[in-house]
Each structure stands twice: as C-alpha cells, then as structure tokens.
Amino acid sequence: MRFLILLALAGVLLAGSPVKVVKQTNPEKALIFEVTIPAPSAEVWKAFSTSEGLATWLAPVTTVDLRPGGAWTAGFAGGSTGGGTILAVIPEHELTLAAMAPDRFPTVRAQRTTARFEFRDEGSSTVVRLVQTGWKPGREWDEAYEYLAEGNAQLLEALRDRFISGPIHWPTPKAAQ
C-alpha cells in the first residue's frame, strides 16, 4: 500500500528526502541516486534480491530470479508490473537490470533503460547507489526521465523505510481469504 501511494505521488518529490538525486547530462545522460540504509549490506541485499525480501517493502506480489535473463518484477494494483530483466549480478554488491518504465511511457518501457544498483557495505549501514542510463532523445524519453528522477528516489526511500519502520504486511486479497 505504501508503494502504491508513492506511485500516486510520483509527480511530487518530498522535501527532505534522504535520497540524493543527480540529473547528469554529460558525458552521458543519466540519473544517479544514492541513499544510506541503516542495516548491514547482507540484509539489504536479501531485501532487494529475493522475492521474499522484495515483498517486505515494494509490492505484495514479486518475482526475483537472480540470474542473467531472470526477472526482477513487482505486481501492482490494476495489473501493472514494474521492474525489469536482470542483466548482471555480483552477489551482495551489484544488480543490473534492463528496466521497464511505467506503462504510461510505452516506447521507453519497450526499449528499456539500464539500471545498475550498487551496494556498498559501511559496517552497520549500506550505501545503495542507482545509476540509470540508456536515455534516448525525444519527448517521451524526457518525460520518463523526469518522472523516474522522482519515482526512483521514492523507490529507494521505500527500501530505506523498510529498515526503519519494519516490513510491510500487505492486506490479504479478498479472493484469498
């Protein structure tokens, strides 16, 4: 539920966010995010790189097939899927995706960007850095870039919140009760 609210607020970047965001234009257009998470890197990696872990903070229905070509996806209300296809994995250090943009950007979603998540152990905390590249020229690409500058900051803030507030306990769908 918390992530769905974050998606609804995607046009608004909350003031005082713990996520540092850099919009880079040279030498290559990129979005660069960095957040410090108050948990050891092994715990953060598990929350990010397993279906069970992802379901504690991102969405109630998740799939992580941790291998090149595998899925890293989350299912949201209304049938939308976010995430992407895993391109590379360095266990406990890096996960690279061919990332799907939201449904509202069909060209960008089909052609994908590259999202490289890096995990740096800082003892009792972990620095997570996301570098998103592969941006092409055009209005839809520019709109997706701006949208994801805020949306991915909210994504990383949700991951951080998972370790501050605890895991999300998603409501059980009525059909499953």
Protein backbone atom coordinates (compact mmCIF):
# COMPACT_ATOMS: atom_id res chain seq x y z
CA MET A 1 0.00 0.00 0.00
CA ARG A 2 2.80 2.38 0.90
CA PHE A 3 4.42 1.91 -2.52
CA LEU A 4 1.10 2.44 -4.31
CA ILE A 5 0.80 5.75 -2.50
CA LEU A 6 4.35 6.57 -3.60
CA LEU A 7 3.36 5.86 -7.19
CA ALA A 8 0.35 8.14 -6.86
CA LEU A 9 2.66 10.88 -5.61
CA ALA A 10 5.22 10.32 -8.38
CA GLY A 11 4.88 13.91 -9.57
CA VAL A 12 5.93 15.24 -6.16
CA LEU A 13 9.39 14.78 -4.69
CA LEU A 14 9.06 15.07 -0.94
CA ALA A 15 11.21 17.74 0.67
CA GLY A 16 13.88 16.45 2.98
CA SER A 17 14.20 13.11 1.20
CA PRO A 18 17.18 11.05 2.39
CA VAL A 19 17.88 10.11 -1.24
CA LYS A 20 20.42 12.19 -3.11
CA VAL A 21 19.46 12.62 -6.78
CA VAL A 22 21.76 13.85 -9.56
CA LYS A 23 20.49 14.54 -13.08
CA GLN A 24 23.58 14.12 -15.23
CA THR A 25 23.70 15.35 -18.82
CA ASN A 26 27.38 14.85 -19.70
CA PRO A 27 29.25 12.78 -20.72
CA GLU A 28 26.15 10.53 -20.85
CA LYS A 29 22.62 11.38 -19.77
CA ALA A 30 21.97 9.54 -16.51
CA LEU A 31 20.02 9.59 -13.29
CA ILE A 32 22.16 8.90 -10.23
CA PHE A 33 20.65 8.16 -6.83
CA GLU A 34 22.29 7.43 -3.50
CA VAL A 35 20.83 6.55 -0.11
CA THR A 36 22.27 5.24 3.15
CA ILE A 37 20.25 2.43 4.68
CA PRO A 38 20.65 1.71 8.41
CA ALA A 39 21.24 -2.03 8.03
CA PRO A 40 24.14 -4.34 7.18
CA SER A 41 24.66 -4.98 3.48
CA ALA A 42 23.72 -8.69 3.70
CA GLU A 43 20.26 -7.74 5.00
CA VAL A 44 19.76 -5.01 2.40
CA TRP A 45 20.90 -7.37 -0.38
CA LYS A 46 18.40 -10.01 0.79
CA ALA A 47 15.57 -7.45 0.83
CA PHE A 48 16.48 -6.39 -2.70
CA SER A 49 17.50 -9.65 -4.37
CA THR A 50 14.90 -12.21 -3.23
CA SER A 51 11.17 -12.46 -3.90
CA GLU A 52 10.51 -12.75 -0.17
CA GLY A 53 12.67 -9.73 0.61
CA LEU A 54 11.20 -7.57 -2.15
CA ALA A 55 7.70 -8.34 -0.86
CA THR A 56 8.65 -6.78 2.52
CA TRP A 57 8.83 -3.29 1.04
CA LEU A 58 7.89 -3.00 -2.64
CA ALA A 59 4.73 -4.93 -3.50
CA PRO A 60 2.83 -7.98 -2.28
CA VAL A 61 3.49 -9.96 -5.48
CA THR A 62 7.13 -10.09 -6.54
CA THR A 63 9.44 -12.27 -8.59
CA VAL A 64 13.20 -12.37 -8.34
CA ASP A 65 15.04 -14.95 -10.45
CA LEU A 66 18.57 -13.92 -9.53
CA ARG A 67 20.47 -14.74 -12.72
CA PRO A 68 21.17 -13.00 -16.03
CA GLY A 69 17.93 -13.22 -18.02
CA GLY A 70 15.88 -13.66 -14.85
CA ALA A 71 13.01 -11.45 -13.74
CA TRP A 72 13.11 -8.76 -11.05
CA THR A 73 9.47 -7.67 -11.00
CA ALA A 74 6.70 -6.39 -8.78
CA GLY A 75 2.99 -6.59 -9.47
CA PHE A 76 0.89 -3.58 -8.56
CA ALA A 77 -2.83 -2.91 -8.22
CA GLY A 78 -4.53 -2.58 -11.56
CA GLY A 79 -2.31 -5.22 -13.16
CA SER A 80 0.75 -3.05 -13.84
CA THR A 81 4.16 -4.66 -13.50
CA GLY A 82 7.36 -2.82 -12.67
CA GLY A 83 10.99 -3.86 -12.58
CA GLY A 84 12.90 -5.47 -15.40
CA THR A 85 15.10 -8.26 -16.65
CA ILE A 86 18.35 -8.99 -14.84
CA LEU A 87 21.41 -8.33 -16.99
CA ALA A 88 24.17 -8.99 -14.43
CA VAL A 89 24.63 -9.95 -10.78
CA ILE A 90 27.61 -9.62 -8.49
CA PRO A 91 26.20 -11.19 -5.30
CA GLU A 92 25.86 -8.73 -2.43
CA HIS A 93 27.46 -5.95 -4.49
CA GLU A 94 25.62 -5.18 -7.74
CA LEU A 95 22.43 -5.92 -9.67
CA THR A 96 21.91 -4.56 -13.18
CA LEU A 97 18.52 -4.53 -14.89
CA ALA A 98 17.08 -3.78 -18.31
CA ALA A 99 14.50 -1.63 -16.55
CA MET A 100 10.88 -1.22 -17.62
CA ALA A 101 9.47 2.28 -17.45
CA PRO A 102 5.89 2.68 -16.20
CA ASP A 103 3.06 1.80 -18.61
CA ARG A 104 2.43 5.49 -19.35
CA PHE A 105 5.73 5.56 -21.31
CA PRO A 106 5.22 2.70 -23.80
CA THR A 107 8.21 3.42 -26.04
CA VAL A 108 10.62 3.74 -23.12
CA ARG A 109 9.07 0.66 -21.48
CA ALA A 110 9.59 -1.41 -24.64
CA GLN A 111 13.14 -0.19 -25.35
CA ARG A 112 14.25 -0.09 -21.68
CA THR A 113 16.96 1.74 -19.82
CA THR A 114 19.81 0.19 -17.84
CA ALA A 115 19.53 0.44 -14.06
CA ARG A 116 22.64 -0.56 -12.10
CA PHE A 117 22.12 -0.90 -8.33
CA GLU A 118 25.35 -0.93 -6.30
CA PHE A 119 25.51 -1.95 -2.63
CA ARG A 120 28.45 -0.66 -0.55
CA ASP A 121 28.97 -2.08 2.93
CA GLU A 122 29.57 0.61 5.54
CA GLY A 123 29.54 -1.71 8.58
CA SER A 124 26.19 -1.19 10.29
CA SER A 125 24.80 0.62 7.25
CA THR A 126 24.72 0.18 3.49
CA VAL A 127 25.01 2.78 0.76
CA VAL A 128 22.80 1.93 -2.21
CA ARG A 129 23.61 3.73 -5.44
CA LEU A 130 21.46 3.51 -8.57
CA VAL A 131 22.81 4.69 -11.92
CA GLN A 132 20.20 4.68 -14.69
CA THR A 133 21.49 5.13 -18.24
CA GLY A 134 20.39 4.43 -21.81
CA TRP A 135 18.24 7.53 -22.26
CA LYS A 136 17.37 8.43 -25.84
CA PRO A 137 16.24 11.77 -27.32
CA GLY A 138 12.57 12.60 -27.62
CA ARG A 139 9.64 13.94 -25.65
CA GLU A 140 8.52 10.62 -24.16
CA TRP A 141 12.09 9.84 -23.08
CA ASP A 142 12.43 13.29 -21.47
CA GLU A 143 9.11 12.87 -19.64
CA ALA A 144 10.11 9.40 -18.41
CA TYR A 145 13.47 10.79 -17.24
CA GLU A 146 11.75 13.46 -15.13
CA TYR A 147 9.15 11.01 -13.81
CA LEU A 148 11.79 8.46 -12.81
CA ALA A 149 14.01 11.11 -11.21
CA GLU A 150 11.28 11.32 -8.60
CA GLY A 151 9.88 7.78 -8.78
CA ASN A 152 13.23 6.04 -8.29
CA ALA A 153 14.07 8.34 -5.39
CA GLN A 154 10.79 7.23 -3.81
CA LEU A 155 11.65 3.59 -4.58
CA LEU A 156 14.96 3.88 -2.69
CA GLU A 157 13.28 5.78 0.12
CA ALA A 158 10.78 2.90 0.46
CA LEU A 159 13.70 0.45 0.72
CA ARG A 160 15.24 2.61 3.44
CA ASP A 161 11.90 2.88 5.25
CA ARG A 162 11.67 -0.90 5.32
CA PHE A 163 14.68 -0.95 7.65
CA ILE A 164 13.46 1.96 9.76
CA SER A 165 9.77 1.05 10.14
CA GLY A 166 9.95 -2.69 9.50
CA PRO A 167 8.49 -4.84 6.75
CA ILE A 168 5.13 -4.06 5.19
CA HIS A 169 2.39 -6.55 6.00
CA TRP A 170 0.24 -6.40 2.89
CA PRO A 171 -3.51 -6.99 3.21
CA THR A 172 -4.65 -10.40 2.04
CA PRO A 173 -6.69 -10.12 -1.18
CA LYS A 174 -10.38 -10.90 -0.60
CA ALA A 175 -10.30 -13.82 -3.07
CA ALA A 176 -7.54 -15.48 -0.99
CA GLN A 177 -9.33 -15.15 2.37
